[in-house]
Amino acid sequence: MVYVDSATIKFGRMKMCHMLADTPAELHAMADTIGVARRWYQARASAPHYDIAQSKRAEAVRAGAVEIDRYALVALMKRIKPTWPRDAKGWL
């Protein structure tokens, strides 16, 4: 399952949010589906995710992503973090 949070973090003129998933394959597949470049993948973050623009968030929701609030985001990060593979450079 893929999730998008309700954050509205400013990045230049854009507003961004986070996209997470239960598995790396699901996360990267959704990024490919909605046209998000791999450079937005946060491999060194506290939990694996993409930072995506609000327009891409809407596309992700149309493609099946589940909308979550900040509290659900924190719980999700705690749940998925131990299950994802890591290497010396971060999340795979």
Protein backbone atom coordinates (compact mmCIF):
# COMPACT_ATOMS: atom_id res chain seq x y z
CA MET A 1 0.00 0.00 0.00
CA VAL A 2 1.19 3.54 -0.79
CA TYR A 3 0.44 6.53 1.45
CA VAL A 4 0.58 10.32 1.07
CA ASP A 5 0.52 12.64 4.05
CA SER A 6 -1.22 15.96 4.53
CA ALA A 7 1.96 18.03 4.86
CA THR A 8 2.35 21.27 2.91
CA ILE A 9 6.07 21.93 3.10
CA LYS A 10 7.25 24.87 1.02
CA PHE A 11 10.04 24.18 -1.48
CA GLY A 12 10.56 27.28 -3.59
CA ARG A 13 7.15 28.06 -5.08
CA MET A 14 5.91 24.50 -4.65
CA LYS A 15 4.19 22.84 -1.73
CA MET A 16 5.42 19.34 -1.02
CA CYS A 17 4.27 16.33 0.97
CA HIS A 18 5.61 12.84 1.68
CA MET A 19 4.86 9.61 -0.14
CA LEU A 20 5.62 6.34 1.68
CA ALA A 21 4.76 2.69 1.11
CA ASP A 22 4.84 -0.67 2.82
CA THR A 23 7.57 -1.94 0.48
CA PRO A 24 10.29 -0.43 -1.72
CA ALA A 25 8.72 -1.99 -4.82
CA GLU A 26 5.34 -0.35 -4.12
CA LEU A 27 6.92 3.03 -3.45
CA HIS A 28 9.08 3.10 -6.57
CA ALA A 29 6.26 1.72 -8.74
CA MET A 30 3.95 4.55 -7.64
CA ALA A 31 6.69 7.10 -8.27
CA ASP A 32 7.06 5.71 -11.79
CA THR A 33 3.28 5.71 -12.30
CA ILE A 34 2.85 9.37 -11.37
CA GLY A 35 6.08 10.54 -13.02
CA VAL A 36 8.18 11.37 -9.97
CA ALA A 37 11.92 11.26 -10.62
CA ARG A 38 14.09 8.99 -8.47
CA ARG A 39 16.11 12.03 -7.40
CA TRP A 40 13.25 12.87 -5.00
CA TYR A 41 13.68 9.54 -3.22
CA GLN A 42 14.92 10.18 0.31
CA ALA A 43 17.44 7.37 0.84
CA ARG A 44 19.08 8.99 3.86
CA ALA A 45 15.94 10.07 5.68
CA SER A 46 14.54 8.79 8.96
CA ALA A 47 12.24 6.56 6.91
CA PRO A 48 12.20 5.87 3.16
CA HIS A 49 9.97 8.23 1.22
CA TYR A 50 9.61 10.57 -1.72
CA ASP A 51 9.00 14.29 -1.42
CA ILE A 52 6.31 15.06 -3.98
CA ALA A 53 4.47 18.17 -5.14
CA GLN A 54 0.79 18.58 -4.29
CA SER A 55 -0.11 17.99 -7.96
CA LYS A 56 1.66 14.63 -7.84
CA ARG A 57 -0.08 13.88 -4.53
CA ALA A 58 -3.43 14.22 -6.30
CA GLU A 59 -2.23 11.85 -9.04
CA ALA A 60 -1.05 9.34 -6.42
CA VAL A 61 -4.45 9.41 -4.72
CA ARG A 62 -6.17 8.85 -8.08
CA ALA A 63 -3.78 5.90 -8.62
CA GLY A 64 -4.73 4.34 -5.28
CA ALA A 65 -2.56 5.97 -2.61
CA VAL A 66 -4.15 6.34 0.82
CA GLU A 67 -4.32 9.80 2.38
CA ILE A 68 -3.01 9.96 5.96
CA ASP A 69 -2.54 12.66 8.58
CA ARG A 70 0.63 13.45 10.52
CA TYR A 71 -0.18 11.02 13.34
CA ALA A 72 -0.71 8.16 10.92
CA LEU A 73 2.52 9.17 9.15
CA VAL A 74 4.55 8.84 12.36
CA ALA A 75 2.97 5.46 13.14
CA LEU A 76 3.63 4.28 9.58
CA MET A 77 7.26 5.36 9.71
CA LYS A 78 7.77 3.44 12.93
CA ARG A 79 6.12 0.36 11.43
CA ILE A 80 7.91 0.25 8.08
CA LYS A 81 11.36 1.46 9.13
CA PRO A 82 12.54 -1.89 10.58
CA THR A 83 11.27 -3.86 7.56
CA TRP A 84 13.09 -1.97 4.81
CA PRO A 85 16.56 -3.04 3.64
CA ARG A 86 19.44 -0.61 4.12
CA ASP A 87 22.96 -0.31 2.86
CA ALA A 88 25.77 2.11 3.71
CA LYS A 89 24.12 4.83 1.58
CA GLY A 90 20.67 4.60 3.11
CA TRP A 91 17.41 2.90 2.20
CA LEU A 92 17.42 0.68 -0.86
